[in-house]
Amino acid sequence: MANHHDNFDMYDSSYQKKWNSVRLGPEKDIIAGWARAAKKAGLPFGCSIHAAHAWRWFETAQRSDQSGPLAGIPYDGKLTKADGKGKWWEGLDPQELYAQDHALSKDSLNNGSIHRQWHWGEGVYPPTKAYIEKFVNRTIELINKYEPDLLYFDDSQLPFWPISDAGLRIAAHHYNHSLKKYGKMRAVINGKILDEQQRKALVWDIERGQANDILPHTWQTDTCIGSWHYDRSIYENNRYKSPQMVIQTLVDVVSKNGNYLLNIPVRGNGTIDDLERKIVQDISRWMKLNSESIYDTRPWEIFGEGPSTENQAKLTGQGFNEGRTKFTSEDIRFNQRAPHCLLQ
């Protein structure tokens, strides 16, 4: 993860030079470490990028408590560099991180309204050109410095689309950089809620969900065995996805021309807990026996047979239909061998 909606860069960023993991927190270049590890293992390297939406996501920081002893006292969304005098963050400018020196979007006090405004419509307060260009510079530096093969954007289509061509410029740079380095296209970009034309240029990402049939272009589901970030209560209540659910979903996704991206959330010290480790080990055991049915495959004439083909949870919008299709021992999924491809 190069950055999340908190707008904090997990690498040595020249454009977010004060609010990054080399300057604060772990004081190390997290992305550099992952890049070295992936390339040493001969794996494609990918980065997820979420920071475009910090502009709207952090509008909560402009609020205040509605009741209690601190009611009406503003949160920290409007703090400036001068407010840090004598504090641990003296010399840092909160606005470089929060970017909240702007008016609230329409219906901003409604926590659910941000999802309706994800496409930069429905009354969202427009981001400034400076904010957009800073995001472009940060992302292009990420591409040039760490050379990821894959960029995952947590955006409808591309960052700031359709109010800006910023995402298109980043995509062009990523693709051209790959062509120049390898002499062929190795670069991949994930986008969400793509139409059929857009899926020819980007890999459609279905969040926590799966397609209902074989799709003509390679797609991806991204999901997690728990929450996107480490949540101790999931461990304590044993609410992780089971290895069986992961494998059943994997098989279904691959039979429909999809790829399965699974997140294993790590604790603050970079480790995973014993339940997560057991899940990964169980998946690994299955993969050792059945990997040839997953890797280097392509869909067959039909994706499957059995009860689950009739009771599939329908995909709408961004995704989120996983776990609602019930698989049984009568269900079968098909695919066939194919030449090696980076995506599969």
Protein backbone atom coordinates (compact mmCIF):
# COMPACT_ATOMS: atom_id res chain seq x y z
CA MET A 1 0.00 0.00 0.00
CA ALA A 2 1.66 3.20 -1.18
CA ASN A 3 -0.88 5.38 0.61
CA HIS A 4 -4.41 5.16 1.93
CA HIS A 5 -7.20 7.71 2.41
CA ASP A 6 -5.11 9.18 5.23
CA ASN A 7 -2.86 10.74 2.53
CA PHE A 8 0.32 9.45 4.22
CA ASP A 9 2.93 8.11 1.78
CA MET A 10 4.57 4.81 2.71
CA TYR A 11 7.72 5.63 0.76
CA ASP A 12 10.43 8.26 0.42
CA SER A 13 8.22 10.87 -1.21
CA SER A 14 9.66 14.12 -2.51
CA TYR A 15 6.21 15.68 -2.83
CA GLN A 16 4.76 14.49 0.48
CA LYS A 17 8.18 14.94 2.00
CA LYS A 18 7.10 15.66 5.58
CA TRP A 19 4.17 13.23 5.79
CA ASN A 20 5.76 9.93 4.80
CA SER A 21 7.01 6.76 6.49
CA VAL A 22 10.68 7.72 6.14
CA ARG A 23 10.16 10.99 7.99
CA LEU A 24 7.57 9.83 10.57
CA GLY A 25 6.33 6.64 12.22
CA PRO A 26 8.51 3.64 11.32
CA GLU A 27 11.14 5.89 9.73
CA LYS A 28 11.70 3.44 6.93
CA ASP A 29 10.80 3.15 3.25
CA ILE A 30 8.03 0.52 3.37
CA ILE A 31 7.50 0.40 -0.40
CA ALA A 32 11.23 -0.04 -1.06
CA GLY A 33 11.25 -3.05 1.25
CA TRP A 34 8.28 -4.68 -0.45
CA ALA A 35 9.73 -3.95 -3.89
CA ARG A 36 13.02 -5.64 -3.01
CA ALA A 37 11.26 -8.66 -1.52
CA ALA A 38 8.93 -9.13 -4.50
CA LYS A 39 11.65 -8.78 -7.10
CA LYS A 40 14.01 -11.07 -5.17
CA ALA A 41 11.31 -13.74 -5.23
CA GLY A 42 10.65 -13.18 -8.94
CA LEU A 43 7.13 -11.89 -8.28
CA PRO A 44 5.34 -9.05 -10.04
CA PHE A 45 5.21 -6.05 -7.73
CA GLY A 46 2.05 -4.02 -7.18
CA CYS A 47 1.11 -0.89 -5.23
CA SER A 48 -2.33 0.23 -4.08
CA ILE A 49 -3.00 3.96 -4.20
CA HIS A 50 -5.95 5.51 -2.33
CA ALA A 51 -4.90 9.09 -1.61
CA ALA A 52 -6.91 10.87 -4.29
CA HIS A 53 -9.94 10.77 -2.03
CA ALA A 54 -8.27 12.22 1.07
CA TRP A 55 -9.73 15.56 -0.05
CA ARG A 56 -13.27 14.34 0.64
CA TRP A 57 -12.49 11.52 3.09
CA PHE A 58 -10.93 13.86 5.66
CA GLU A 59 -13.86 16.28 5.71
CA THR A 60 -14.84 14.55 8.96
CA ALA A 61 -11.85 16.36 10.49
CA GLN A 62 -13.75 19.63 10.04
CA ARG A 63 -16.53 18.46 12.35
CA SER A 64 -16.89 18.57 16.14
CA ASP A 65 -18.59 16.51 18.83
CA GLN A 66 -22.34 17.02 18.87
CA SER A 67 -22.68 16.35 22.59
CA GLY A 68 -20.58 16.02 25.73
CA PRO A 69 -18.00 18.34 27.29
CA LEU A 70 -16.24 19.00 23.94
CA ALA A 71 -19.39 19.67 21.94
CA GLY A 72 -18.87 22.32 19.30
CA ILE A 73 -15.08 22.40 19.66
CA PRO A 74 -13.65 21.82 16.16
CA TYR A 75 -11.55 18.80 15.37
CA ASP A 76 -8.13 19.27 13.77
CA GLY A 77 -9.14 19.64 10.12
CA LYS A 78 -8.37 23.35 10.00
CA LEU A 79 -5.10 23.32 11.95
CA THR A 80 -2.12 25.08 10.39
CA LYS A 81 1.63 24.82 10.77
CA ALA A 82 1.59 27.65 13.30
CA ASP A 83 -0.71 25.63 15.58
CA GLY A 84 2.04 23.06 16.10
CA LYS A 85 4.33 25.28 18.13
CA GLY A 86 5.46 23.40 21.23
CA LYS A 87 3.78 20.17 20.13
CA TRP A 88 5.27 16.92 18.82
CA TRP A 89 4.38 17.93 15.29
CA GLU A 90 6.00 21.35 15.44
CA GLY A 91 7.28 22.28 11.98
CA LEU A 92 4.74 20.10 10.19
CA ASP A 93 1.79 21.55 8.31
CA PRO A 94 -1.43 19.55 8.88
CA GLN A 95 -2.90 21.00 5.71
CA GLU A 96 -0.27 19.19 3.64
CA LEU A 97 -1.80 15.98 4.98
CA TYR A 98 -5.47 16.74 5.64
CA ALA A 99 -5.97 19.20 2.75
CA GLN A 100 -9.04 20.61 4.49
CA ASP A 101 -8.62 24.31 3.82
CA HIS A 102 -11.79 24.17 1.76
CA ALA A 103 -15.55 24.24 2.18
CA LEU A 104 -17.47 21.09 3.02
CA SER A 105 -19.10 19.08 0.28
CA LYS A 106 -22.87 18.84 0.03
CA ASP A 107 -24.35 16.66 2.79
CA SER A 108 -20.87 16.21 4.25
CA LEU A 109 -22.19 15.60 7.76
CA ASN A 110 -23.84 12.42 6.51
CA ASN A 111 -21.23 9.66 6.80
CA GLY A 112 -22.72 7.74 3.89
CA SER A 113 -22.69 10.61 1.43
CA ILE A 114 -19.02 10.11 0.52
CA HIS A 115 -19.87 6.91 -1.33
CA ARG A 116 -22.36 8.72 -3.57
CA GLN A 117 -19.67 11.31 -4.31
CA TRP A 118 -16.85 8.86 -5.08
CA HIS A 119 -17.03 9.81 -8.77
CA TRP A 120 -16.48 13.50 -7.87
CA GLY A 121 -20.12 14.35 -8.43
CA GLU A 122 -23.28 14.72 -6.34
CA GLY A 123 -22.12 17.98 -4.80
CA VAL A 124 -18.56 17.14 -3.77
CA TYR A 125 -16.50 20.30 -3.26
CA PRO A 126 -14.08 20.32 -6.24
CA PRO A 127 -10.43 19.61 -5.45
CA THR A 128 -7.96 22.32 -6.37
CA LYS A 129 -5.56 22.02 -9.30
CA ALA A 130 -2.65 22.12 -6.84
CA TYR A 131 -4.05 19.15 -4.91
CA ILE A 132 -4.55 17.14 -8.09
CA GLU A 133 -1.11 17.93 -9.51
CA LYS A 134 0.58 17.01 -6.24
CA PHE A 135 -1.14 13.62 -6.43
CA VAL A 136 0.08 13.20 -10.01
CA ASN A 137 3.66 14.05 -9.06
CA ARG A 138 3.60 11.68 -6.07
CA THR A 139 2.32 8.80 -8.17
CA ILE A 140 4.69 9.31 -11.09
CA GLU A 141 7.60 9.44 -8.64
CA LEU A 142 6.36 6.16 -7.17
CA ILE A 143 6.40 4.60 -10.66
CA ASN A 144 9.86 5.93 -11.53
CA LYS A 145 11.51 5.10 -8.22
CA TYR A 146 10.03 1.68 -7.39
CA GLU A 147 8.86 0.42 -10.81
CA PRO A 148 5.71 -1.43 -9.77
CA ASP A 149 4.22 -3.72 -12.40
CA LEU A 150 0.69 -3.12 -11.13
CA LEU A 151 -1.09 -0.02 -9.86
CA TYR A 152 -4.33 -0.52 -7.94
CA PHE A 153 -6.41 2.66 -7.78
CA ASP A 154 -9.26 2.81 -5.27
CA ASP A 155 -11.18 4.95 -7.70
CA SER A 156 -14.10 4.77 -10.07
CA GLN A 157 -12.20 4.34 -13.34
CA LEU A 158 -9.07 6.48 -12.66
CA PRO A 159 -8.12 9.09 -10.04
CA PHE A 160 -10.09 12.36 -10.41
CA TRP A 161 -11.95 11.09 -13.48
CA PRO A 162 -13.94 12.71 -15.04
CA ILE A 163 -13.14 16.14 -13.58
CA SER A 164 -9.46 15.92 -14.57
CA ASP A 165 -7.18 14.05 -16.97
CA ALA A 166 -4.76 13.37 -14.07
CA GLY A 167 -5.48 9.64 -14.03
CA LEU A 168 -5.06 9.37 -17.78
CA ARG A 169 -1.66 11.05 -17.56
CA ILE A 170 -0.56 8.68 -14.81
CA ALA A 171 -1.79 5.68 -16.80
CA ALA A 172 0.06 6.81 -19.93
CA HIS A 173 3.27 7.27 -17.95
CA HIS A 174 2.94 3.85 -16.30
CA TYR A 175 2.35 2.06 -19.61
CA ASN A 176 5.08 3.95 -21.47
CA HIS A 177 7.56 3.39 -18.62
CA SER A 178 6.91 -0.35 -18.83
CA LEU A 179 7.27 -0.43 -22.61
CA LYS A 180 10.55 1.43 -22.44
CA LYS A 181 11.97 -0.84 -19.74
CA TYR A 182 10.85 -4.23 -21.06
CA GLY A 183 10.22 -3.61 -24.73
CA LYS A 184 6.72 -4.99 -24.22
CA MET A 185 3.73 -4.29 -22.04
CA ARG A 186 4.03 -5.64 -18.49
CA ALA A 187 2.18 -2.82 -16.75
CA VAL A 188 -1.25 -3.34 -15.23
CA ILE A 189 -3.72 -0.82 -13.82
CA ASN A 190 -6.81 -1.73 -11.79
CA GLY A 191 -9.90 0.47 -11.84
CA LYS A 192 -13.42 0.08 -10.48
CA ILE A 193 -16.88 0.32 -12.04
CA LEU A 194 -15.53 0.13 -15.59
CA ASP A 195 -17.67 -0.02 -18.70
CA GLU A 196 -16.87 -2.45 -21.52
CA GLN A 197 -14.70 0.04 -23.40
CA GLN A 198 -12.66 0.96 -20.30
CA ARG A 199 -12.01 -2.72 -19.56
CA LYS A 200 -9.92 -2.87 -22.73
CA ALA A 201 -7.38 -0.46 -21.20
CA LEU A 202 -7.71 -1.21 -17.47
CA VAL A 203 -8.24 -4.38 -15.47
CA TRP A 204 -11.66 -4.25 -13.84
CA ASP A 205 -11.44 -4.64 -10.06
CA ILE A 206 -14.53 -6.03 -8.31
CA GLU A 207 -14.16 -5.31 -4.61
CA ARG A 208 -15.14 -8.19 -2.31
CA GLY A 209 -17.14 -9.82 -5.07
CA GLN A 210 -17.12 -11.80 -8.27
CA ALA A 211 -18.55 -11.84 -11.77
CA ASN A 212 -21.55 -13.99 -12.62
CA ASP A 213 -20.17 -15.37 -15.88
CA ILE A 214 -17.01 -15.62 -17.98
CA LEU A 215 -15.86 -12.13 -18.91
CA PRO A 216 -14.01 -11.47 -22.19
CA HIS A 217 -11.28 -9.41 -20.53
CA THR A 218 -9.21 -10.41 -17.52
CA TRP A 219 -10.62 -8.99 -14.28
CA GLN A 220 -9.78 -9.12 -10.61
CA THR A 221 -11.48 -9.44 -7.27
CA ASP A 222 -9.79 -7.98 -4.22
CA THR A 223 -10.80 -9.12 -0.78
CA CYS A 224 -9.48 -9.80 2.70
CA ILE A 225 -9.71 -12.63 5.19
CA GLY A 226 -10.95 -10.06 7.72
CA SER A 227 -11.03 -6.27 7.68
CA TRP A 228 -8.79 -4.31 5.33
CA HIS A 229 -6.69 -3.32 8.35
CA TYR A 230 -5.80 -5.48 11.33
CA ASP A 231 -8.75 -5.79 13.73
CA ARG A 232 -8.02 -7.68 16.94
CA SER A 233 -11.72 -8.33 17.59
CA ILE A 234 -11.89 -10.48 14.44
CA TYR A 235 -9.10 -12.62 15.86
CA GLU A 236 -10.68 -12.84 19.30
CA ASN A 237 -14.07 -13.84 17.87
CA ASN A 238 -12.61 -16.16 15.21
CA ARG A 239 -14.34 -14.33 12.35
CA TYR A 240 -11.71 -14.70 9.64
CA LYS A 241 -12.72 -16.24 6.32
CA SER A 242 -12.16 -19.98 6.35
CA PRO A 243 -9.60 -21.55 3.98
CA GLN A 244 -12.56 -23.37 2.39
CA MET A 245 -14.33 -20.11 1.55
CA VAL A 246 -11.13 -18.61 0.13
CA ILE A 247 -10.46 -21.65 -2.07
CA GLN A 248 -14.05 -21.96 -3.29
CA THR A 249 -14.10 -18.29 -4.26
CA LEU A 250 -10.67 -18.57 -5.91
CA VAL A 251 -11.81 -21.50 -8.06
CA ASP A 252 -15.01 -19.69 -9.06
CA VAL A 253 -13.15 -16.48 -9.93
CA VAL A 254 -10.49 -18.23 -12.02
CA SER A 255 -13.15 -20.17 -13.97
CA LYS A 256 -14.62 -16.81 -15.06
CA ASN A 257 -11.34 -15.31 -16.32
CA GLY A 258 -10.59 -13.54 -13.05
CA ASN A 259 -7.65 -13.16 -10.68
CA TYR A 260 -7.96 -13.37 -6.91
CA LEU A 261 -6.15 -10.78 -4.79
CA LEU A 262 -6.24 -11.74 -1.10
CA ASN A 263 -5.21 -9.41 1.71
CA ILE A 264 -3.77 -10.80 4.95
CA PRO A 265 -3.82 -7.82 7.37
CA VAL A 266 -0.67 -7.40 9.45
CA ARG A 267 -0.27 -6.08 12.96
CA GLY A 268 1.54 -2.86 13.70
CA ASN A 269 4.85 -4.69 14.07
CA GLY A 270 4.51 -6.27 10.61
CA THR A 271 3.59 -9.79 11.77
CA ILE A 272 0.44 -11.86 11.29
CA ASP A 273 -1.34 -13.73 14.08
CA ASP A 274 -1.50 -17.51 14.53
CA LEU A 275 -5.01 -17.86 13.06
CA GLU A 276 -3.99 -15.97 9.93
CA ARG A 277 -0.87 -18.10 9.62
CA LYS A 278 -2.97 -21.29 9.87
CA ILE A 279 -5.30 -20.04 7.11
CA VAL A 280 -2.36 -19.24 4.82
CA GLN A 281 -0.82 -22.65 5.51
CA ASP A 282 -4.07 -24.46 4.71
CA ILE A 283 -4.46 -22.53 1.46
CA SER A 284 -0.85 -23.32 0.59
CA ARG A 285 -1.41 -27.04 1.13
CA TRP A 286 -4.36 -26.98 -1.26
CA MET A 287 -2.37 -25.01 -3.82
CA LYS A 288 0.50 -27.52 -3.75
CA LEU A 289 -1.93 -30.22 -4.85
CA ASN A 290 -4.04 -28.16 -7.25
CA SER A 291 -1.93 -25.28 -8.53
CA GLU A 292 -1.96 -26.53 -12.13
CA SER A 293 -5.72 -25.94 -12.15
CA ILE A 294 -5.15 -22.28 -11.22
CA TYR A 295 -1.90 -20.98 -12.72
CA ASP A 296 -1.48 -20.52 -16.50
CA THR A 297 -5.15 -21.29 -17.17
CA ARG A 298 -7.94 -19.69 -19.14
CA PRO A 299 -11.71 -20.23 -19.07
CA TRP A 300 -13.32 -23.17 -20.82
CA GLU A 301 -16.53 -22.99 -22.88
CA ILE A 302 -18.64 -22.70 -19.71
CA PHE A 303 -17.47 -21.76 -16.22
CA GLY A 304 -19.27 -24.46 -14.28
CA GLU A 305 -22.14 -26.75 -13.38
CA GLY A 306 -24.13 -27.39 -10.24
CA PRO A 307 -26.58 -25.63 -7.90
CA SER A 308 -24.37 -22.59 -7.38
CA THR A 309 -24.64 -21.64 -11.07
CA GLU A 310 -28.36 -21.04 -10.50
CA ASN A 311 -28.23 -19.29 -7.13
CA GLN A 312 -25.37 -16.83 -7.72
CA ALA A 313 -25.50 -13.56 -5.83
CA LYS A 314 -25.89 -10.98 -8.58
CA LEU A 315 -23.11 -8.47 -9.12
CA THR A 316 -24.14 -4.83 -9.10
CA GLY A 317 -22.04 -1.68 -8.96
CA GLN A 318 -18.64 -1.94 -7.29
CA GLY A 319 -19.02 -5.51 -6.01
CA PHE A 320 -19.61 -6.74 -2.45
CA ASN A 321 -21.49 -9.90 -3.43
CA GLU A 322 -18.94 -12.37 -2.04
CA GLY A 323 -20.00 -15.05 0.43
CA ARG A 324 -23.64 -15.04 -0.66
CA THR A 325 -23.31 -17.79 -3.26
CA LYS A 326 -23.44 -21.17 -1.54
CA PHE A 327 -21.19 -23.92 -2.90
CA THR A 328 -21.83 -27.65 -2.46
CA SER A 329 -20.09 -30.91 -3.35
CA GLU A 330 -22.25 -31.00 -6.49
CA ASP A 331 -20.65 -27.82 -7.88
CA ILE A 332 -17.95 -28.04 -10.55
CA ARG A 333 -15.80 -25.34 -12.14
CA PHE A 334 -13.91 -25.66 -15.43
CA ASN A 335 -10.89 -24.07 -17.09
CA GLN A 336 -8.12 -25.05 -19.47
CA ARG A 337 -4.38 -24.71 -19.84
CA ALA A 338 -2.95 -21.65 -21.59
CA PRO A 339 0.45 -20.03 -22.34
CA HIS A 340 2.04 -18.16 -19.47
CA CYS A 341 0.74 -14.66 -18.83
CA LEU A 342 1.75 -12.10 -16.19
CA LEU A 343 -1.83 -11.68 -15.03
CA GLN A 344 -2.76 -15.31 -14.44
